Amino acid sequence: MAEKQSPALSARAERNLAIATSVHKSWAAGYTEGMTVDLSILSDAIADDMVLYHPEFGEVQIGRYFAEGLVPEIATMELRAWWRAFPDICMDKFLAFPTDEGVAYHVRMGGHARADGRWLEFWECNFWTINDEGKITRFEVFHLGKNYDEMCEMALGFTGKDLTPESYRAAVLKNGGAEA
């Protein structure tokens, strides 16, 4: 019996996969103390009116934050907050499903809690809509797993149920700042 071959990806789907893979690698590499998140791959891939959707707080237009250069700084502080609570935190098991319209992918975040040494983990699932120009216009993020709320509480000081754009920003500034 012949082995079933997957159909080749279109050039557009390949581009969408490359964007997602690069972003994942940057985040995954950033999980060491003092490291920053290199989101330069996104500098040309974010639409000015990009919308972030999270089920806890709905839709927020965040494309302008990329234009203002705020996202890499906030992302680095977020990594620092997670690292302080989980010194061996990792982002692994990345699996992407690209299409011409965008990409869906999931990744596992896990680590041993600094407080008690237990291994905790959750899954992040992302869905990006990418337009003809290669710009991300919509970014949906979902967090799955029984440890998500506990991990957020340890790293950021609130549970996922309490997540709002304002609580996230305040927690990241408090728990991920250089002086924290």
N, C-alpha and C. Protein backbone atom coordinates (compact mmCIF):
# COMPACT_ATOMS: atom_id res chain seq x y z
N MET A 1 0.85 -1.18 0.00
CA MET A 1 0.00 0.00 0.00
C MET A 1 0.89 1.24 0.00
N ALA A 2 0.56 2.20 -0.83
CA ALA A 2 1.35 3.43 -0.96
C ALA A 2 1.10 4.33 0.24
N GLU A 3 2.17 5.01 0.67
CA GLU A 3 2.05 5.94 1.79
C GLU A 3 1.28 7.17 1.33
N LYS A 4 0.34 7.61 2.15
CA LYS A 4 -0.47 8.78 1.82
C LYS A 4 0.38 10.03 1.95
N GLN A 5 0.40 10.85 0.93
CA GLN A 5 1.16 12.09 0.92
C GLN A 5 0.25 13.26 1.26
N SER A 6 0.78 14.17 2.09
CA SER A 6 0.05 15.39 2.39
C SER A 6 0.17 16.33 1.20
N PRO A 7 -0.90 17.05 0.91
CA PRO A 7 -0.80 18.00 -0.20
C PRO A 7 0.20 19.10 0.14
N ALA A 8 0.88 19.60 -0.86
CA ALA A 8 1.85 20.68 -0.66
C ALA A 8 1.11 21.94 -0.23
N LEU A 9 1.77 22.72 0.61
CA LEU A 9 1.19 23.99 1.05
C LEU A 9 1.37 25.03 -0.04
N SER A 10 0.42 25.92 -0.15
CA SER A 10 0.56 27.05 -1.07
C SER A 10 1.64 27.99 -0.52
N ALA A 11 2.11 28.89 -1.34
CA ALA A 11 3.11 29.86 -0.90
C ALA A 11 2.56 30.70 0.25
N ARG A 12 1.29 31.03 0.18
CA ARG A 12 0.67 31.84 1.24
C ARG A 12 0.60 31.05 2.55
N ALA A 13 0.21 29.80 2.50
CA ALA A 13 0.17 28.97 3.71
C ALA A 13 1.58 28.77 4.28
N GLU A 14 2.57 28.60 3.41
CA GLU A 14 3.97 28.50 3.86
C GLU A 14 4.40 29.77 4.59
N ARG A 15 4.02 30.93 4.04
CA ARG A 15 4.34 32.20 4.69
C ARG A 15 3.69 32.28 6.07
N ASN A 16 2.43 31.88 6.16
CA ASN A 16 1.71 31.92 7.43
C ASN A 16 2.35 30.98 8.46
N LEU A 17 2.78 29.82 8.00
CA LEU A 17 3.48 28.88 8.88
C LEU A 17 4.81 29.46 9.35
N ALA A 18 5.54 30.11 8.47
CA ALA A 18 6.83 30.70 8.83
C ALA A 18 6.67 31.78 9.90
N ILE A 19 5.64 32.60 9.79
CA ILE A 19 5.39 33.64 10.78
C ILE A 19 5.11 33.01 12.14
N ALA A 20 4.21 32.04 12.18
CA ALA A 20 3.86 31.39 13.45
C ALA A 20 5.07 30.67 14.06
N THR A 21 5.84 29.99 13.24
CA THR A 21 7.01 29.26 13.74
C THR A 21 8.05 30.22 14.31
N SER A 22 8.28 31.32 13.64
CA SER A 22 9.26 32.30 14.12
C SER A 22 8.82 32.92 15.44
N VAL A 23 7.54 33.24 15.57
CA VAL A 23 7.04 33.82 16.81
C VAL A 23 7.17 32.81 17.94
N HIS A 24 6.80 31.56 17.68
CA HIS A 24 6.93 30.53 18.71
C HIS A 24 8.38 30.38 19.16
N LYS A 25 9.30 30.31 18.22
CA LYS A 25 10.72 30.14 18.56
C LYS A 25 11.22 31.31 19.40
N SER A 26 10.78 32.52 19.10
CA SER A 26 11.21 33.68 19.86
C SER A 26 10.71 33.60 21.30
N TRP A 27 9.43 33.28 21.47
CA TRP A 27 8.87 33.14 22.82
C TRP A 27 9.56 32.01 23.56
N ALA A 28 9.70 30.85 22.92
CA ALA A 28 10.29 29.69 23.58
C ALA A 28 11.73 29.98 24.01
N ALA A 29 12.50 30.68 23.19
CA ALA A 29 13.89 31.01 23.52
C ALA A 29 13.97 32.05 24.63
N GLY A 30 12.92 32.81 24.82
CA GLY A 30 12.93 33.87 25.82
C GLY A 30 12.77 33.40 27.24
N TYR A 31 12.48 32.13 27.46
CA TYR A 31 12.23 31.65 28.81
C TYR A 31 13.51 31.33 29.58
N THR A 32 14.39 32.29 29.63
CA THR A 32 15.55 32.25 30.52
C THR A 32 15.69 33.63 31.11
N GLU A 33 16.20 33.71 32.30
CA GLU A 33 16.30 35.01 32.99
C GLU A 33 17.06 36.02 32.15
N GLY A 34 16.48 37.20 32.08
CA GLY A 34 17.14 38.28 31.38
C GLY A 34 16.96 38.29 29.88
N MET A 35 16.40 37.23 29.32
CA MET A 35 16.21 37.17 27.88
C MET A 35 15.05 38.08 27.49
N THR A 36 15.08 38.52 26.27
CA THR A 36 13.99 39.33 25.75
C THR A 36 13.30 38.56 24.63
N VAL A 37 12.13 39.00 24.31
CA VAL A 37 11.37 38.39 23.23
C VAL A 37 11.65 39.18 21.96
N ASP A 38 12.22 38.52 20.97
CA ASP A 38 12.50 39.17 19.70
C ASP A 38 11.29 39.00 18.80
N LEU A 39 10.48 40.02 18.75
CA LEU A 39 9.28 39.96 17.92
C LEU A 39 9.45 40.74 16.63
N SER A 40 10.70 40.89 16.18
CA SER A 40 10.96 41.64 14.95
C SER A 40 10.27 41.00 13.76
N ILE A 41 10.08 39.68 13.80
CA ILE A 41 9.36 39.00 12.71
C ILE A 41 7.97 39.59 12.55
N LEU A 42 7.42 40.11 13.65
CA LEU A 42 6.06 40.64 13.59
C LEU A 42 5.99 42.10 13.17
N SER A 43 7.12 42.78 13.14
CA SER A 43 7.08 44.21 12.86
C SER A 43 6.39 44.52 11.53
N ASP A 44 6.56 43.66 10.56
CA ASP A 44 5.90 43.87 9.27
C ASP A 44 4.66 42.99 9.09
N ALA A 45 4.32 42.22 10.12
CA ALA A 45 3.22 41.26 9.97
C ALA A 45 1.98 41.61 10.77
N ILE A 46 1.97 42.76 11.42
CA ILE A 46 0.82 43.15 12.23
C ILE A 46 0.06 44.27 11.53
N ALA A 47 -1.21 44.05 11.32
CA ALA A 47 -2.05 45.11 10.76
C ALA A 47 -2.27 46.18 11.83
N ASP A 48 -2.32 47.43 11.42
CA ASP A 48 -2.50 48.53 12.37
C ASP A 48 -3.78 48.38 13.18
N ASP A 49 -4.78 47.72 12.60
CA ASP A 49 -6.05 47.55 13.28
C ASP A 49 -6.26 46.12 13.78
N MET A 50 -5.16 45.39 14.02
CA MET A 50 -5.28 44.01 14.48
C MET A 50 -6.09 43.93 15.77
N VAL A 51 -6.93 42.91 15.84
CA VAL A 51 -7.78 42.68 17.00
C VAL A 51 -7.30 41.43 17.72
N LEU A 52 -7.17 41.54 19.04
CA LEU A 52 -6.89 40.40 19.91
C LEU A 52 -8.20 39.97 20.53
N TYR A 53 -8.47 38.66 20.48
CA TYR A 53 -9.67 38.13 21.14
C TYR A 53 -9.23 37.12 22.19
N HIS A 54 -9.75 37.27 23.39
CA HIS A 54 -9.58 36.29 24.47
C HIS A 54 -10.96 36.09 25.08
N PRO A 55 -11.36 34.85 25.35
CA PRO A 55 -12.72 34.63 25.85
C PRO A 55 -13.03 35.31 27.17
N GLU A 56 -12.02 35.63 27.96
CA GLU A 56 -12.26 36.28 29.26
C GLU A 56 -12.57 37.76 29.12
N PHE A 57 -12.02 38.42 28.09
CA PHE A 57 -12.26 39.87 27.99
C PHE A 57 -12.73 40.32 26.62
N GLY A 58 -12.96 39.42 25.70
CA GLY A 58 -13.50 39.81 24.41
C GLY A 58 -12.44 40.36 23.47
N GLU A 59 -12.85 41.31 22.65
CA GLU A 59 -11.97 41.87 21.61
C GLU A 59 -11.34 43.19 22.05
N VAL A 60 -10.06 43.31 21.72
CA VAL A 60 -9.33 44.55 21.99
C VAL A 60 -8.47 44.83 20.77
N GLN A 61 -8.51 46.06 20.30
CA GLN A 61 -7.67 46.43 19.16
C GLN A 61 -6.27 46.74 19.69
N ILE A 62 -5.26 45.94 19.28
CA ILE A 62 -3.92 46.12 19.82
C ILE A 62 -2.86 46.40 18.76
N GLY A 63 -3.24 46.46 17.50
CA GLY A 63 -2.26 46.71 16.45
C GLY A 63 -1.42 47.95 16.71
N ARG A 64 -2.02 48.98 17.28
CA ARG A 64 -1.30 50.23 17.53
C ARG A 64 -0.18 50.05 18.54
N TYR A 65 -0.33 49.10 19.48
CA TYR A 65 0.72 48.86 20.47
C TYR A 65 2.00 48.36 19.81
N PHE A 66 1.85 47.58 18.74
CA PHE A 66 3.03 47.15 17.99
C PHE A 66 3.68 48.34 17.31
N ALA A 67 2.86 49.20 16.71
CA ALA A 67 3.39 50.39 16.03
C ALA A 67 4.12 51.29 17.00
N GLU A 68 3.67 51.33 18.26
CA GLU A 68 4.29 52.17 19.27
C GLU A 68 5.48 51.48 19.94
N GLY A 69 5.75 50.24 19.57
CA GLY A 69 6.90 49.53 20.14
C GLY A 69 6.70 49.01 21.55
N LEU A 70 5.47 48.97 22.04
CA LEU A 70 5.22 48.55 23.42
C LEU A 70 5.18 47.04 23.60
N VAL A 71 4.83 46.30 22.57
CA VAL A 71 4.62 44.86 22.73
C VAL A 71 5.89 44.10 23.11
N PRO A 72 7.04 44.32 22.47
CA PRO A 72 8.24 43.58 22.90
C PRO A 72 8.60 43.83 24.36
N GLU A 73 8.46 45.07 24.83
CA GLU A 73 8.77 45.38 26.23
C GLU A 73 7.80 44.65 27.17
N ILE A 74 6.52 44.69 26.87
CA ILE A 74 5.53 44.01 27.70
C ILE A 74 5.72 42.50 27.63
N ALA A 75 6.03 41.97 26.45
CA ALA A 75 6.25 40.53 26.30
C ALA A 75 7.44 40.08 27.13
N THR A 76 8.50 40.87 27.15
CA THR A 76 9.68 40.54 27.95
C THR A 76 9.33 40.55 29.44
N MET A 77 8.55 41.52 29.88
CA MET A 77 8.14 41.55 31.29
C MET A 77 7.24 40.36 31.62
N GLU A 78 6.39 39.96 30.67
CA GLU A 78 5.54 38.79 30.90
C GLU A 78 6.41 37.54 31.07
N LEU A 79 7.39 37.36 30.20
CA LEU A 79 8.29 36.22 30.34
C LEU A 79 8.99 36.23 31.69
N ARG A 80 9.43 37.40 32.11
CA ARG A 80 10.12 37.51 33.39
C ARG A 80 9.20 37.12 34.54
N ALA A 81 7.93 37.53 34.49
CA ALA A 81 6.98 37.18 35.55
C ALA A 81 6.77 35.66 35.60
N TRP A 82 6.62 35.04 34.44
CA TRP A 82 6.44 33.58 34.41
C TRP A 82 7.70 32.88 34.91
N TRP A 83 8.87 33.36 34.48
CA TRP A 83 10.12 32.73 34.89
C TRP A 83 10.32 32.82 36.40
N ARG A 84 9.95 33.95 37.00
CA ARG A 84 10.11 34.09 38.45
C ARG A 84 9.27 33.08 39.21
N ALA A 85 8.11 32.74 38.71
CA ALA A 85 7.24 31.76 39.37
C ALA A 85 7.59 30.32 39.00
N PHE A 86 8.14 30.13 37.80
CA PHE A 86 8.45 28.79 37.26
C PHE A 86 9.84 28.84 36.63
N PRO A 87 10.91 28.62 37.41
CA PRO A 87 12.27 28.84 36.91
C PRO A 87 12.68 27.98 35.71
N ASP A 88 12.00 26.86 35.50
CA ASP A 88 12.33 26.02 34.34
C ASP A 88 11.20 26.03 33.31
N ILE A 89 10.41 27.09 33.31
CA ILE A 89 9.25 27.14 32.41
C ILE A 89 9.69 26.94 30.96
N CYS A 90 8.87 26.23 30.25
CA CYS A 90 9.17 26.00 28.84
C CYS A 90 7.89 26.13 28.03
N MET A 91 8.09 26.35 26.78
CA MET A 91 7.00 26.42 25.81
C MET A 91 7.38 25.40 24.74
N ASP A 92 6.68 24.27 24.73
CA ASP A 92 7.05 23.21 23.80
C ASP A 92 5.80 22.56 23.19
N LYS A 93 6.03 21.51 22.47
CA LYS A 93 4.96 20.76 21.79
C LYS A 93 4.17 21.64 20.81
N PHE A 94 4.88 22.53 20.15
CA PHE A 94 4.30 23.42 19.14
C PHE A 94 3.83 22.59 17.95
N LEU A 95 2.60 22.81 17.53
CA LEU A 95 2.06 22.15 16.35
C LEU A 95 1.17 23.16 15.63
N ALA A 96 1.47 23.41 14.36
CA ALA A 96 0.75 24.44 13.60
C ALA A 96 -0.01 23.82 12.43
N PHE A 97 -1.10 24.48 12.09
CA PHE A 97 -1.96 24.07 10.98
C PHE A 97 -2.20 25.29 10.09
N PRO A 98 -1.33 25.52 9.11
CA PRO A 98 -1.46 26.71 8.27
C PRO A 98 -2.48 26.52 7.15
N THR A 99 -3.11 27.62 6.78
CA THR A 99 -3.99 27.66 5.62
C THR A 99 -3.68 28.96 4.88
N ASP A 100 -4.35 29.18 3.77
CA ASP A 100 -4.19 30.44 3.05
C ASP A 100 -4.78 31.62 3.82
N GLU A 101 -5.73 31.35 4.72
CA GLU A 101 -6.39 32.41 5.46
C GLU A 101 -5.69 32.76 6.77
N GLY A 102 -4.76 31.93 7.21
CA GLY A 102 -4.08 32.19 8.48
C GLY A 102 -3.40 30.93 9.00
N VAL A 103 -3.38 30.81 10.31
CA VAL A 103 -2.75 29.64 10.92
C VAL A 103 -3.38 29.41 12.29
N ALA A 104 -3.53 28.15 12.62
CA ALA A 104 -3.93 27.76 13.97
C ALA A 104 -2.76 26.97 14.54
N TYR A 105 -2.47 27.19 15.80
CA TYR A 105 -1.42 26.38 16.42
C TYR A 105 -1.67 26.26 17.91
N HIS A 106 -1.06 25.22 18.48
CA HIS A 106 -1.11 25.09 19.93
C HIS A 106 0.30 24.85 20.45
N VAL A 107 0.47 25.16 21.73
CA VAL A 107 1.75 25.01 22.39
C VAL A 107 1.49 24.74 23.87
N ARG A 108 2.36 23.93 24.47
CA ARG A 108 2.22 23.66 25.89
C ARG A 108 3.16 24.59 26.66
N MET A 109 2.65 25.17 27.75
CA MET A 109 3.49 25.92 28.68
C MET A 109 3.51 25.14 29.98
N GLY A 110 4.69 24.88 30.49
CA GLY A 110 4.79 24.14 31.74
C GLY A 110 6.09 24.40 32.45
N GLY A 111 6.10 24.10 33.73
CA GLY A 111 7.30 24.25 34.53
C GLY A 111 7.04 23.86 35.97
N HIS A 112 8.13 23.75 36.72
CA HIS A 112 8.04 23.44 38.14
C HIS A 112 7.86 24.74 38.92
N ALA A 113 6.86 24.76 39.79
CA ALA A 113 6.58 25.96 40.59
C ALA A 113 7.72 26.22 41.56
N ARG A 114 8.18 27.45 41.58
CA ARG A 114 9.24 27.83 42.51
C ARG A 114 8.78 27.60 43.95
N ALA A 115 7.51 27.83 44.23
CA ALA A 115 6.99 27.75 45.60
C ALA A 115 7.04 26.34 46.18
N ASP A 116 6.70 25.32 45.37
CA ASP A 116 6.61 23.97 45.94
C ASP A 116 7.16 22.86 45.05
N GLY A 117 7.71 23.20 43.91
CA GLY A 117 8.35 22.20 43.04
C GLY A 117 7.43 21.37 42.18
N ARG A 118 6.11 21.58 42.28
CA ARG A 118 5.18 20.79 41.46
C ARG A 118 5.28 21.19 40.00
N TRP A 119 5.15 20.20 39.08
CA TRP A 119 5.06 20.46 37.65
C TRP A 119 3.63 20.86 37.34
N LEU A 120 3.46 22.01 36.70
CA LEU A 120 2.15 22.49 36.27
C LEU A 120 2.25 22.84 34.80
N GLU A 121 1.12 22.71 34.08
CA GLU A 121 1.13 23.02 32.66
C GLU A 121 -0.26 23.40 32.18
N PHE A 122 -0.30 24.09 31.06
CA PHE A 122 -1.54 24.35 30.34
C PHE A 122 -1.21 24.46 28.87
N TRP A 123 -2.23 24.46 28.05
CA TRP A 123 -2.07 24.58 26.59
C TRP A 123 -2.60 25.93 26.15
N GLU A 124 -1.87 26.55 25.24
CA GLU A 124 -2.34 27.79 24.61
C GLU A 124 -2.65 27.46 23.16
N CYS A 125 -3.84 27.83 22.73
CA CYS A 125 -4.27 27.61 21.34
C CYS A 125 -4.50 28.97 20.70
N ASN A 126 -3.86 29.19 19.56
CA ASN A 126 -3.95 30.47 18.87
C ASN A 126 -4.51 30.28 17.47
N PHE A 127 -5.30 31.24 17.07
CA PHE A 127 -5.87 31.27 15.72
C PHE A 127 -5.62 32.65 15.16
N TRP A 128 -4.87 32.72 14.06
CA TRP A 128 -4.56 33.99 13.43
C TRP A 128 -5.23 34.07 12.07
N THR A 129 -5.83 35.21 11.79
CA THR A 129 -6.31 35.51 10.45
C THR A 129 -5.27 36.43 9.82
N ILE A 130 -4.81 36.07 8.63
CA ILE A 130 -3.75 36.82 7.95
C ILE A 130 -4.27 37.24 6.57
N ASN A 131 -4.17 38.53 6.28
CA ASN A 131 -4.74 39.05 5.03
C ASN A 131 -3.80 38.83 3.84
N ASP A 132 -4.23 39.32 2.66
CA ASP A 132 -3.47 39.15 1.42
C ASP A 132 -2.07 39.75 1.49
N GLU A 133 -1.91 40.81 2.28
CA GLU A 133 -0.61 41.48 2.40
C GLU A 133 0.31 40.81 3.41
N GLY A 134 -0.16 39.73 4.04
CA GLY A 134 0.66 39.05 5.05
C GLY A 134 0.59 39.70 6.42
N LYS A 135 -0.46 40.45 6.68
CA LYS A 135 -0.64 41.13 7.96
C LYS A 135 -1.65 40.36 8.81
N ILE A 136 -1.31 40.17 10.08
CA ILE A 136 -2.24 39.52 11.01
C ILE A 136 -3.31 40.54 11.37
N THR A 137 -4.56 40.19 11.08
CA THR A 137 -5.67 41.10 11.36
C THR A 137 -6.47 40.69 12.59
N ARG A 138 -6.38 39.42 12.93
CA ARG A 138 -7.11 38.91 14.11
C ARG A 138 -6.26 37.83 14.77
N PHE A 139 -6.19 37.90 16.09
CA PHE A 139 -5.40 36.97 16.89
C PHE A 139 -6.32 36.49 18.02
N GLU A 140 -6.73 35.23 17.96
CA GLU A 140 -7.56 34.66 19.02
C GLU A 140 -6.69 33.74 19.85
N VAL A 141 -6.80 33.85 21.16
CA VAL A 141 -5.99 33.03 22.07
C VAL A 141 -6.91 32.38 23.11
N PHE A 142 -6.69 31.10 23.33
CA PHE A 142 -7.46 30.32 24.29
C PHE A 142 -6.48 29.54 25.16
N HIS A 143 -6.76 29.46 26.45
CA HIS A 143 -5.93 28.71 27.38
C HIS A 143 -6.72 27.54 27.93
N LEU A 144 -6.14 26.36 27.83
CA LEU A 144 -6.82 25.13 28.21
C LEU A 144 -5.98 24.37 29.23
N GLY A 145 -6.64 23.77 30.17
CA GLY A 145 -5.94 22.92 31.14
C GLY A 145 -6.28 23.32 32.56
N LYS A 146 -6.29 22.32 33.42
CA LYS A 146 -6.71 22.54 34.81
C LYS A 146 -5.74 23.42 35.58
N ASN A 147 -4.49 23.56 35.14
CA ASN A 147 -3.51 24.34 35.88
C ASN A 147 -3.43 25.80 35.46
N TYR A 148 -4.19 26.21 34.46
CA TYR A 148 -4.06 27.57 33.93
C TYR A 148 -4.30 28.63 35.01
N ASP A 149 -5.41 28.55 35.72
CA ASP A 149 -5.71 29.56 36.74
C ASP A 149 -4.66 29.57 37.84
N GLU A 150 -4.24 28.40 38.30
CA GLU A 150 -3.23 28.33 39.36
C GLU A 150 -1.90 28.93 38.90
N MET A 151 -1.52 28.64 37.66
CA MET A 151 -0.27 29.18 37.14
C MET A 151 -0.34 30.70 36.99
N CYS A 152 -1.47 31.21 36.51
CA CYS A 152 -1.65 32.66 36.41
C CYS A 152 -1.56 33.31 37.78
N GLU A 153 -2.19 32.68 38.76
CA GLU A 153 -2.15 33.22 40.13
C GLU A 153 -0.71 33.31 40.63
N MET A 154 0.07 32.27 40.37
CA MET A 154 1.46 32.25 40.83
C MET A 154 2.34 33.27 40.10
N ALA A 155 2.14 33.40 38.80
CA ALA A 155 3.01 34.27 38.00
C ALA A 155 2.54 35.72 37.95
N LEU A 156 1.22 35.90 37.88
CA LEU A 156 0.69 37.25 37.63
C LEU A 156 -0.16 37.81 38.76
N GLY A 157 -0.57 36.93 39.70
CA GLY A 157 -1.33 37.41 40.83
C GLY A 157 -2.83 37.44 40.63
N PHE A 158 -3.34 36.82 39.59
CA PHE A 158 -4.78 36.72 39.37
C PHE A 158 -5.07 35.48 38.55
N THR A 159 -6.31 35.03 38.58
CA THR A 159 -6.69 33.85 37.81
C THR A 159 -7.13 34.29 36.42
N GLY A 160 -7.22 33.31 35.52
CA GLY A 160 -7.68 33.59 34.18
C GLY A 160 -9.08 34.19 34.15
N LYS A 161 -9.90 33.81 35.13
CA LYS A 161 -11.27 34.34 35.20
C LYS A 161 -11.28 35.84 35.47
N ASP A 162 -10.20 36.34 36.08
CA ASP A 162 -10.10 37.77 36.41
C ASP A 162 -9.35 38.56 35.35
N LEU A 163 -9.04 37.93 34.25
CA LEU A 163 -8.22 38.55 33.21
C LEU A 163 -8.99 39.63 32.46
N THR A 164 -8.40 40.80 32.43
CA THR A 164 -8.87 41.91 31.59
C THR A 164 -7.60 42.53 31.00
N PRO A 165 -7.72 43.32 29.95
CA PRO A 165 -6.51 43.99 29.45
C PRO A 165 -5.82 44.82 30.53
N GLU A 166 -6.60 45.46 31.39
CA GLU A 166 -6.03 46.30 32.44
C GLU A 166 -5.35 45.46 33.53
N SER A 167 -5.99 44.35 33.96
CA SER A 167 -5.38 43.52 35.00
C SER A 167 -4.11 42.85 34.48
N TYR A 168 -4.12 42.47 33.23
CA TYR A 168 -2.94 41.85 32.63
C TYR A 168 -1.77 42.83 32.63
N ARG A 169 -2.00 44.02 32.12
CA ARG A 169 -0.94 45.02 32.03
C ARG A 169 -0.39 45.36 33.42
N ALA A 170 -1.28 45.58 34.38
CA ALA A 170 -0.85 45.92 35.74
C ALA A 170 -0.04 44.78 36.35
N ALA A 171 -0.48 43.53 36.15
CA ALA A 171 0.24 42.38 36.71
C ALA A 171 1.60 42.21 36.09
N VAL A 172 1.68 42.38 34.78
CA VAL A 172 2.96 42.23 34.09
C VAL A 172 3.92 43.32 34.55
N LEU A 173 3.46 44.54 34.69
CA LEU A 173 4.31 45.63 35.17
C LEU A 173 4.79 45.37 36.61
N LYS A 174 3.88 44.87 37.44
CA LYS A 174 4.22 44.61 38.84
C LYS A 174 5.15 43.40 38.99
N ASN A 175 4.82 42.30 38.35
CA ASN A 175 5.52 41.03 38.57
C ASN A 175 6.67 40.79 37.59
N GLY A 176 6.72 41.52 36.51
CA GLY A 176 7.75 41.29 35.51
C GLY A 176 8.73 42.41 35.33
N GLY A 177 8.54 43.48 36.09
CA GLY A 177 9.47 44.59 35.99
C GLY A 177 10.86 44.20 36.48
N ALA A 178 11.85 44.91 36.03
CA ALA A 178 13.24 44.59 36.37
C ALA A 178 13.47 44.61 37.87
N GLU A 179 12.75 45.47 38.58
CA GLU A 179 12.96 45.59 40.01
C GLU A 179 12.09 44.62 40.82
N ALA A 180 11.19 43.92 40.18
CA ALA A 180 10.28 43.02 40.91
C ALA A 180 11.05 41.87 41.52
